Amino acid sequence: MEIGINERAPLIINNVKEVLDKVKEKINDFALSFQLNYHEASTVFYLRKVEEIYFDEYWIKISQSNGTVAFFNYDSILEYCIINADEVIDLGVV
C-alpha cells in the first residue's frame, strides 16, 4: 500500500499516516474507517484491498485493488479510525 501526503493536508493526517505506517506489517489485520457527517454508518476500507491512499489539501483519494476509487472531502469526515478488521461488523446492505 502506497501512502502519499500533500504538505498542505490537515494536521490530523500526519497522525493517521503515522498509524497506517505502523500497521503496514500487519496490513491484512486492519481497516480504515471514516464516520461521515452525512451517513449514519461508517465507511470502511480493508487495508488489504487498498493499493493507494493520497491525502491531498482538501480531499482523500483511496484506490483499491478491484478498481474502486473513492474521494472524500475532509469537511465531510467527523472521525478517522484504524481498527482491527476482526472488529468490523458487516451489517450488509439494507
Protein backbone atom coordinates (compact mmCIF):
# COMPACT_ATOMS: atom_id res chain seq x y z
CA MET A 1 0.00 0.00 0.00
CA GLU A 2 1.33 3.39 -1.00
CA ILE A 3 0.63 6.44 1.13
CA GLY A 4 1.07 9.94 -0.26
CA ILE A 5 0.57 13.19 1.56
CA ASN A 6 0.37 16.78 0.37
CA GLU A 7 2.27 19.17 2.63
CA ARG A 8 -0.93 21.24 2.94
CA ALA A 9 -3.08 18.34 4.16
CA PRO A 10 -4.74 18.90 7.57
CA LEU A 11 -2.52 18.24 10.58
CA ILE A 12 -4.60 15.24 11.73
CA ILE A 13 -3.43 13.41 8.59
CA ASN A 14 0.11 13.22 9.96
CA ASN A 15 -1.28 11.20 12.88
CA VAL A 16 -3.36 8.97 10.58
CA LYS A 17 -0.35 8.35 8.31
CA GLU A 18 1.83 7.52 11.33
CA VAL A 19 -0.61 4.83 12.47
CA LEU A 20 -1.01 3.47 8.91
CA ASP A 21 2.78 3.19 8.64
CA LYS A 22 2.87 1.23 11.92
CA VAL A 23 0.28 -1.32 10.77
CA LYS A 24 1.80 -1.91 7.31
CA GLU A 25 3.45 -5.10 8.57
CA LYS A 26 0.03 -6.49 9.53
CA ILE A 27 -1.98 -4.84 6.75
CA ASN A 28 -4.39 -7.81 6.43
CA ASP A 29 -5.48 -7.32 10.04
CA PHE A 30 -6.65 -3.70 9.82
CA ALA A 31 -9.30 -1.48 8.29
CA LEU A 32 -9.60 2.29 7.84
CA SER A 33 -12.97 3.70 8.82
CA PHE A 34 -14.42 7.18 8.36
CA GLN A 35 -17.50 8.41 10.18
CA LEU A 36 -19.11 10.73 7.65
CA ASN A 37 -21.36 13.58 8.69
CA TYR A 38 -23.93 12.73 6.02
CA HIS A 39 -24.28 9.00 6.82
CA GLU A 40 -25.46 7.19 9.91
CA ALA A 41 -22.86 4.44 9.47
CA SER A 42 -19.12 4.43 8.94
CA THR A 43 -17.38 3.85 5.63
CA VAL A 44 -14.85 1.02 5.97
CA PHE A 45 -11.85 0.17 3.77
CA TYR A 46 -10.00 -3.08 4.44
CA LEU A 47 -6.33 -2.15 4.12
CA ARG A 48 -5.51 -5.46 2.39
CA LYS A 49 -7.61 -4.20 -0.56
CA VAL A 50 -6.19 -0.67 -0.63
CA GLU A 51 -3.44 -0.01 -3.18
CA GLU A 52 -3.01 3.71 -2.55
CA ILE A 53 -4.14 6.42 -0.16
CA TYR A 54 -3.40 10.01 -1.10
CA PHE A 55 -4.05 12.80 1.37
CA ASP A 56 -4.41 16.00 -0.66
CA GLU A 57 -5.04 19.51 0.62
CA TYR A 58 -8.85 19.26 0.50
CA TRP A 59 -9.68 15.59 -0.04
CA ILE A 60 -8.56 11.98 0.42
CA LYS A 61 -8.28 9.58 -2.53
CA ILE A 62 -8.41 5.84 -1.85
CA SER A 63 -7.68 3.38 -4.69
CA GLN A 64 -8.48 -0.31 -4.20
CA SER A 65 -7.20 -3.42 -5.96
CA ASN A 66 -10.63 -4.06 -7.51
CA GLY A 67 -10.53 -0.76 -9.45
CA THR A 68 -12.66 1.22 -6.99
CA VAL A 69 -11.52 4.80 -6.39
CA ALA A 70 -13.14 6.86 -3.63
CA PHE A 71 -12.75 10.56 -2.84
CA PHE A 72 -13.67 12.16 0.48
CA ASN A 73 -13.72 15.84 1.37
CA TYR A 74 -12.17 16.47 4.79
CA ASP A 75 -15.17 18.62 5.76
CA SER A 76 -17.38 15.52 5.49
CA ILE A 77 -15.32 13.37 7.88
CA LEU A 78 -16.13 13.50 11.57
CA GLU A 79 -13.83 10.68 12.77
CA TYR A 80 -10.89 8.64 11.49
CA CYS A 81 -10.42 5.12 12.86
CA ILE A 82 -7.86 2.43 12.13
CA ILE A 83 -9.34 -0.70 13.62
CA ASN A 84 -8.69 -4.40 13.76
CA ALA A 85 -10.55 -5.90 10.79
CA ASP A 86 -11.97 -8.65 13.01
CA GLU A 87 -13.85 -5.97 14.95
CA VAL A 88 -15.75 -4.72 11.88
CA ILE A 89 -19.38 -5.77 11.96
CA ASP A 90 -20.77 -6.26 8.45
CA LEU A 91 -24.43 -5.33 8.53
CA GLY A 92 -24.82 -5.77 4.80
CA VAL A 93 -26.89 -3.62 2.50
CA VAL A 94 -30.41 -2.76 3.61
